[in-house]
Amino acid sequence: MSDPNANQSGTDSGSGQSSPNSGKQDSEKSTSASAHKAESASADLTALETRCTELQDRLFRCQADLENYRRRTQREQEDARRFESLRLIRDLLPGLDGLQRAVSSAEQTGDFRNLLDGIRMVAQQFRDVLRGHSAEPIDAQGKPFNPNEHEALTQVPSADCEPMTVLQVVEMGYRMHDRIVRPARVIVSCAPPETAG
């Protein structure tokens, strides 16, 4: 006869129940995986923090560079405004020196013809300086009156010219490129009064 306890023992050993050691191993694996994920997340976070710090440093440097650029540009603009007439003044000084020499010479010699010649030379120097700075005279003599380029001082009756013709230029006008520096101050014609007949 077979031993019933032996069959029962065999049945128990073949059942699907896991041993206590198997459950412990699964728990350890789960804990290890969680720890690995935590370490990986921590490393990612550290890398992100480092990257964020680097980007902040770059941002601060860029902001500082931009502020320095703005200050430098503002300083250069202020200097340009302060000294914008420097070249013109340097160009005018020789003419002023020539005028002073002509006056001194006339005072010493009493030769006013030479003074007049000197003044003419200086006037030409000044015109050359203006031309060198792109300031061109407005040709108004004998032209129809143009309110954009001329300023009428008075009208004079004339039978020889059409009304509103420039008869005389009192002060020369100048333009720089397409902008009027100063309008020419002129005397213009008007129709002569009708004579009673």
C-alpha atoms as a PDB file:
ATOM      1  CA  MET A   1       0.000   0.000   0.000  1.00  0.00           C
ATOM      2  CA  SER A   2       1.173   3.516  -0.796  1.00  0.00           C
ATOM      3  CA  ASP A   3       1.559   6.144   1.810  1.00  0.00           C
ATOM      4  CA  PRO A   4      -1.199   8.784   1.527  1.00  0.00           C
ATOM      5  CA  ASN A   5       1.079  11.391   3.116  1.00  0.00           C
ATOM      6  CA  ALA A   6       3.585  10.885   0.355  1.00  0.00           C
ATOM      7  CA  ASN A   7       0.982  11.678  -2.342  1.00  0.00           C
ATOM      8  CA  GLN A   8      -0.139  14.741  -0.454  1.00  0.00           C
ATOM      9  CA  SER A   9       3.421  15.923  -0.171  1.00  0.00           C
ATOM     10  CA  GLY A  10       3.924  15.492  -3.916  1.00  0.00           C
ATOM     11  CA  THR A  11       0.742  17.368  -4.658  1.00  0.00           C
ATOM     12  CA  ASP A  12       1.813  20.271  -2.487  1.00  0.00           C
ATOM     13  CA  SER A  13       5.218  20.505  -4.124  1.00  0.00           C
ATOM     14  CA  GLY A  14       3.663  20.657  -7.625  1.00  0.00           C
ATOM     15  CA  SER A  15       1.175  23.416  -6.846  1.00  0.00           C
ATOM     16  CA  GLY A  16       1.541  26.987  -8.364  1.00  0.00           C
ATOM     17  CA  GLN A  17       2.164  28.697  -5.049  1.00  0.00           C
ATOM     18  CA  SER A  18       5.419  30.685  -4.880  1.00  0.00           C
ATOM     19  CA  SER A  19       7.835  30.419  -2.059  1.00  0.00           C
ATOM     20  CA  PRO A  20       8.514  33.343   0.318  1.00  0.00           C
ATOM     21  CA  ASN A  21      12.019  33.744  -1.187  1.00  0.00           C
ATOM     22  CA  SER A  22      10.550  34.385  -4.676  1.00  0.00           C
ATOM     23  CA  GLY A  23       8.396  37.295  -3.419  1.00  0.00           C
ATOM     24  CA  LYS A  24      11.389  38.829  -1.713  1.00  0.00           C
ATOM     25  CA  GLN A  25      13.425  38.725  -4.939  1.00  0.00           C
ATOM     26  CA  ASP A  26      10.626  40.479  -6.891  1.00  0.00           C
ATOM     27  CA  SER A  27      10.459  43.174  -4.246  1.00  0.00           C
ATOM     28  CA  GLU A  28      14.224  43.702  -4.416  1.00  0.00           C
ATOM     29  CA  LYS A  29      14.090  43.962  -8.229  1.00  0.00           C
ATOM     30  CA  SER A  30      11.297  46.536  -8.007  1.00  0.00           C
ATOM     31  CA  THR A  31      13.210  48.537  -5.429  1.00  0.00           C
ATOM     32  CA  SER A  32      16.369  48.417  -7.546  1.00  0.00           C
ATOM     33  CA  ALA A  33      14.489  49.602 -10.651  1.00  0.00           C
ATOM     34  CA  SER A  34      12.938  52.472  -8.707  1.00  0.00           C
ATOM     35  CA  ALA A  35      16.323  53.480  -7.346  1.00  0.00           C
ATOM     36  CA  HIS A  36      17.797  53.385 -10.853  1.00  0.00           C
ATOM     37  CA  LYS A  37      14.969  55.589 -12.175  1.00  0.00           C
ATOM     38  CA  ALA A  38      15.453  58.007  -9.288  1.00  0.00           C
ATOM     39  CA  GLU A  39      19.177  58.216  -9.960  1.00  0.00           C
ATOM     40  CA  SER A  40      18.524  58.793 -13.665  1.00  0.00           C
ATOM     41  CA  ALA A  41      15.943  61.497 -12.923  1.00  0.00           C
ATOM     42  CA  SER A  42      18.337  63.128 -10.470  1.00  0.00           C
ATOM     43  CA  ALA A  43      21.099  63.120 -13.096  1.00  0.00           C
ATOM     44  CA  ASP A  44      18.719  64.627 -15.683  1.00  0.00           C
ATOM     45  CA  LEU A  45      17.665  67.306 -13.227  1.00  0.00           C
ATOM     46  CA  THR A  46      21.290  68.142 -12.449  1.00  0.00           C
ATOM     47  CA  ALA A  47      22.054  68.399 -16.165  1.00  0.00           C
ATOM     48  CA  LEU A  48      19.038  70.670 -16.690  1.00  0.00           C
ATOM     49  CA  GLU A  49      20.046  72.865 -13.768  1.00  0.00           C
ATOM     50  CA  THR A  50      23.569  73.148 -15.168  1.00  0.00           C
ATOM     51  CA  ARG A  51      22.224  74.003 -18.603  1.00  0.00           C
ATOM     52  CA  CYS A  52      19.841  76.552 -17.103  1.00  0.00           C
ATOM     53  CA  THR A  53      22.720  78.191 -15.208  1.00  0.00           C
ATOM     54  CA  GLU A  54      24.800  78.334 -18.396  1.00  0.00           C
ATOM     55  CA  LEU A  55      21.931  79.934 -20.314  1.00  0.00           C
ATOM     56  CA  GLN A  56      21.347  82.455 -17.541  1.00  0.00           C
ATOM     57  CA  ASP A  57      25.037  83.371 -17.581  1.00  0.00           C
ATOM     58  CA  ARG A  58      24.909  83.815 -21.357  1.00  0.00           C
ATOM     59  CA  LEU A  59      21.761  85.939 -21.028  1.00  0.00           C
ATOM     60  CA  PHE A  60      23.386  88.175 -18.408  1.00  0.00           C
ATOM     61  CA  ARG A  61      26.494  88.553 -20.583  1.00  0.00           C
ATOM     62  CA  CYS A  62      24.373  89.418 -23.628  1.00  0.00           C
ATOM     63  CA  GLN A  63      22.400  91.962 -21.606  1.00  0.00           C
ATOM     64  CA  ALA A  64      25.631  93.516 -20.342  1.00  0.00           C
ATOM     65  CA  ASP A  65      27.065  93.624 -23.884  1.00  0.00           C
ATOM     66  CA  LEU A  66      23.866  95.231 -25.185  1.00  0.00           C
ATOM     67  CA  GLU A  67      23.887  97.841 -22.433  1.00  0.00           C
ATOM     68  CA  ASN A  68      27.559  98.624 -23.150  1.00  0.00           C
ATOM     69  CA  TYR A  69      26.757  98.920 -26.861  1.00  0.00           C
ATOM     70  CA  ARG A  70      23.867 101.302 -26.137  1.00  0.00           C
ATOM     71  CA  ARG A  71      26.046 103.476 -23.914  1.00  0.00           C
ATOM     72  CA  ARG A  72      28.870 103.521 -26.477  1.00  0.00           C
ATOM     73  CA  THR A  73      26.463 104.387 -29.300  1.00  0.00           C
ATOM     74  CA  GLN A  74      24.842 107.139 -27.249  1.00  0.00           C
ATOM     75  CA  ARG A  75      28.271 108.565 -26.387  1.00  0.00           C
ATOM     76  CA  GLU A  76      29.309 108.485 -30.066  1.00  0.00           C
ATOM     77  CA  GLN A  77      26.078 110.214 -31.095  1.00  0.00           C
ATOM     78  CA  GLU A  78      26.564 112.908 -28.460  1.00  0.00           C
ATOM     79  CA  ASP A  79      30.141 113.453 -29.655  1.00  0.00           C
ATOM     80  CA  ALA A  80      28.964 113.605 -33.265  1.00  0.00           C
ATOM     81  CA  ARG A  81      26.375 116.254 -32.354  1.00  0.00           C
ATOM     82  CA  ARG A  82      28.872 118.260 -30.303  1.00  0.00           C
ATOM     83  CA  PHE A  83      31.533 118.266 -33.007  1.00  0.00           C
ATOM     84  CA  GLU A  84      29.434 118.095 -36.171  1.00  0.00           C
ATOM     85  CA  SER A  85      30.595 121.597 -37.206  1.00  0.00           C
ATOM     86  CA  LEU A  86      34.275 120.870 -36.605  1.00  0.00           C
ATOM     87  CA  ARG A  87      35.143 120.195 -40.252  1.00  0.00           C
ATOM     88  CA  LEU A  88      33.238 123.263 -41.449  1.00  0.00           C
ATOM     89  CA  ILE A  89      34.959 125.500 -38.890  1.00  0.00           C
ATOM     90  CA  ARG A  90      38.378 124.170 -39.893  1.00  0.00           C
ATOM     91  CA  ASP A  91      37.555 124.871 -43.534  1.00  0.00           C
ATOM     92  CA  LEU A  92      36.378 128.426 -42.757  1.00  0.00           C
ATOM     93  CA  LEU A  93      39.411 129.423 -40.703  1.00  0.00           C
ATOM     94  CA  PRO A  94      41.793 129.999 -43.681  1.00  0.00           C
ATOM     95  CA  GLY A  95      39.287 132.438 -45.190  1.00  0.00           C
ATOM     96  CA  LEU A  96      38.994 134.291 -41.906  1.00  0.00           C
ATOM     97  CA  ASP A  97      42.798 134.424 -41.660  1.00  0.00           C
ATOM     98  CA  GLY A  98      43.005 135.806 -45.204  1.00  0.00           C
ATOM     99  CA  LEU A  99      40.413 138.469 -44.408  1.00  0.00           C
ATOM    100  CA  GLN A 100      42.337 139.486 -41.308  1.00  0.00           C
ATOM    101  CA  ARG A 101      45.566 139.770 -43.316  1.00  0.00           C
ATOM    102  CA  ALA A 102      43.862 141.929 -45.964  1.00  0.00           C
ATOM    103  CA  VAL A 103      42.464 144.269 -43.304  1.00  0.00           C
ATOM    104  CA  SER A 104      45.837 144.529 -41.533  1.00  0.00           C
ATOM    105  CA  SER A 105      47.611 145.247 -44.823  1.00  0.00           C
ATOM    106  CA  ALA A 106      45.093 147.981 -45.757  1.00  0.00           C
ATOM    107  CA  GLU A 107      45.455 149.573 -42.339  1.00  0.00           C
ATOM    108  CA  GLN A 108      49.241 149.716 -42.707  1.00  0.00           C
ATOM    109  CA  THR A 109      49.474 150.838 -46.339  1.00  0.00           C
ATOM    110  CA  GLY A 110      46.188 152.670 -46.871  1.00  0.00           C
ATOM    111  CA  ASP A 111      45.794 150.706 -50.107  1.00  0.00           C
ATOM    112  CA  PHE A 112      42.092 149.918 -50.123  1.00  0.00           C
ATOM    113  CA  ARG A 113      42.196 148.473 -53.631  1.00  0.00           C
ATOM    114  CA  ASN A 114      44.243 145.576 -52.277  1.00  0.00           C
ATOM    115  CA  LEU A 115      41.743 145.284 -49.420  1.00  0.00           C
ATOM    116  CA  LEU A 116      38.928 144.947 -51.938  1.00  0.00           C
ATOM    117  CA  ASP A 117      40.876 142.304 -53.861  1.00  0.00           C
ATOM    118  CA  GLY A 118      41.546 140.432 -50.609  1.00  0.00           C
ATOM    119  CA  ILE A 119      37.872 140.512 -49.662  1.00  0.00           C
ATOM    120  CA  ARG A 120      36.965 139.143 -53.089  1.00  0.00           C
ATOM    121  CA  MET A 121      39.454 136.314 -52.644  1.00  0.00           C
ATOM    122  CA  VAL A 122      38.075 135.474 -49.203  1.00  0.00           C
ATOM    123  CA  ALA A 123      34.500 135.509 -50.522  1.00  0.00           C
ATOM    124  CA  GLN A 124      35.537 133.013 -53.179  1.00  0.00           C
ATOM    125  CA  GLN A 125      37.194 130.867 -50.515  1.00  0.00           C
ATOM    126  CA  PHE A 126      33.966 130.849 -48.523  1.00  0.00           C
ATOM    127  CA  ARG A 127      31.965 129.853 -51.600  1.00  0.00           C
ATOM    128  CA  ASP A 128      34.416 127.009 -52.236  1.00  0.00           C
ATOM    129  CA  VAL A 129      34.080 125.858 -48.627  1.00  0.00           C
ATOM    130  CA  LEU A 130      30.291 125.829 -48.888  1.00  0.00           C
ATOM    131  CA  ARG A 131      30.495 123.887 -52.140  1.00  0.00           C
ATOM    132  CA  GLY A 132      32.855 121.434 -50.442  1.00  0.00           C
ATOM    133  CA  HIS A 133      30.129 120.862 -47.852  1.00  0.00           C
ATOM    134  CA  SER A 134      27.511 120.217 -50.569  1.00  0.00           C
ATOM    135  CA  ALA A 135      25.938 123.680 -50.166  1.00  0.00           C
ATOM    136  CA  GLU A 136      25.191 125.025 -53.644  1.00  0.00           C
ATOM    137  CA  PRO A 137      23.919 128.553 -54.407  1.00  0.00           C
ATOM    138  CA  ILE A 138      20.362 128.904 -55.684  1.00  0.00           C
ATOM    139  CA  ASP A 139      20.386 130.513 -59.121  1.00  0.00           C
ATOM    140  CA  ALA A 140      17.527 133.008 -58.807  1.00  0.00           C
ATOM    141  CA  GLN A 141      18.436 136.009 -60.974  1.00  0.00           C
ATOM    142  CA  GLY A 142      15.944 136.465 -63.819  1.00  0.00           C
ATOM    143  CA  LYS A 143      14.001 133.319 -62.847  1.00  0.00           C
ATOM    144  CA  PRO A 144      10.279 133.125 -62.070  1.00  0.00           C
ATOM    145  CA  PHE A 145       9.596 133.581 -58.375  1.00  0.00           C
ATOM    146  CA  ASN A 146       9.493 130.216 -56.566  1.00  0.00           C
ATOM    147  CA  PRO A 147       8.194 130.405 -52.985  1.00  0.00           C
ATOM    148  CA  ASN A 148       9.994 127.147 -52.171  1.00  0.00           C
ATOM    149  CA  GLU A 149      13.386 128.697 -53.023  1.00  0.00           C
ATOM    150  CA  HIS A 150      12.869 132.455 -52.833  1.00  0.00           C
ATOM    151  CA  GLU A 151      11.779 134.951 -50.209  1.00  0.00           C
ATOM    152  CA  ALA A 152      10.343 138.132 -51.734  1.00  0.00           C
ATOM    153  CA  LEU A 153      11.393 141.314 -49.933  1.00  0.00           C
ATOM    154  CA  THR A 154       9.499 143.703 -52.151  1.00  0.00           C
ATOM    155  CA  GLN A 155       7.967 144.122 -55.597  1.00  0.00           C
ATOM    156  CA  VAL A 156       9.077 146.634 -58.195  1.00  0.00           C
ATOM    157  CA  PRO A 157       6.980 147.549 -61.247  1.00  0.00           C
ATOM    158  CA  SER A 158       8.697 146.510 -64.470  1.00  0.00           C
ATOM    159  CA  ALA A 159       7.599 146.674 -68.076  1.00  0.00           C
ATOM    160  CA  ASP A 160      10.602 144.620 -69.213  1.00  0.00           C
ATOM    161  CA  CYS A 161       9.829 141.403 -67.270  1.00  0.00           C
ATOM    162  CA  GLU A 162       6.866 139.216 -66.639  1.00  0.00           C
ATOM    163  CA  PRO A 163       5.262 139.823 -63.251  1.00  0.00           C
ATOM    164  CA  MET A 164       6.802 137.792 -60.402  1.00  0.00           C
ATOM    165  CA  THR A 165      10.235 137.589 -62.039  1.00  0.00           C
ATOM    166  CA  VAL A 166      13.307 137.907 -59.832  1.00  0.00           C
ATOM    167  CA  LEU A 167      14.859 141.284 -60.637  1.00  0.00           C
ATOM    168  CA  GLN A 168      17.572 141.313 -57.994  1.00  0.00           C
ATOM    169  CA  VAL A 169      19.097 138.873 -55.514  1.00  0.00           C
ATOM    170  CA  VAL A 170      19.682 140.695 -52.224  1.00  0.00           C
ATOM    171  CA  GLU A 171      21.018 137.667 -50.336  1.00  0.00           C
ATOM    172  CA  MET A 172      22.120 134.456 -52.015  1.00  0.00           C
ATOM    173  CA  GLY A 173      20.159 131.352 -51.117  1.00  0.00           C
ATOM    174  CA  TYR A 174      21.694 127.884 -50.710  1.00  0.00           C
ATOM    175  CA  ARG A 175      20.511 124.317 -50.965  1.00  0.00           C
ATOM    176  CA  MET A 176      22.141 121.145 -49.679  1.00  0.00           C
ATOM    177  CA  HIS A 177      21.176 118.166 -51.840  1.00  0.00           C
ATOM    178  CA  ASP A 178      17.363 118.382 -51.925  1.00  0.00           C
ATOM    179  CA  ARG A 179      16.966 120.606 -48.836  1.00  0.00           C
ATOM    180  CA  ILE A 180      16.896 124.399 -48.778  1.00  0.00           C
ATOM    181  CA  VAL A 181      19.492 125.729 -46.338  1.00  0.00           C
ATOM    182  CA  ARG A 182      18.298 129.282 -46.807  1.00  0.00           C
ATOM    183  CA  PRO A 183      15.958 130.766 -49.429  1.00  0.00           C
ATOM    184  CA  ALA A 184      17.298 133.499 -51.667  1.00  0.00           C
ATOM    185  CA  ARG A 185      16.062 136.913 -50.556  1.00  0.00           C
ATOM    186  CA  VAL A 186      14.944 138.666 -53.716  1.00  0.00           C
ATOM    187  CA  ILE A 187      13.189 141.621 -55.250  1.00  0.00           C
ATOM    188  CA  VAL A 188      10.524 140.607 -57.764  1.00  0.00           C
ATOM    189  CA  SER A 189       8.734 142.401 -60.551  1.00  0.00           C
ATOM    190  CA  CYS A 190       5.108 143.340 -60.747  1.00  0.00           C
ATOM    191  CA  ALA A 191       3.038 144.807 -63.567  1.00  0.00           C
ATOM    192  CA  PRO A 192       3.554 148.539 -64.041  1.00  0.00           C
ATOM    193  CA  PRO A 193       0.599 150.738 -63.198  1.00  0.00           C
ATOM    194  CA  GLU A 194      -1.665 151.524 -66.091  1.00  0.00           C
ATOM    195  CA  THR A 195      -1.341 155.066 -67.332  1.00  0.00           C
ATOM    196  CA  ALA A 196      -4.492 157.076 -67.741  1.00  0.00           C
ATOM    197  CA  GLY A 197      -5.032 157.633 -71.405  1.00  0.00           C
END
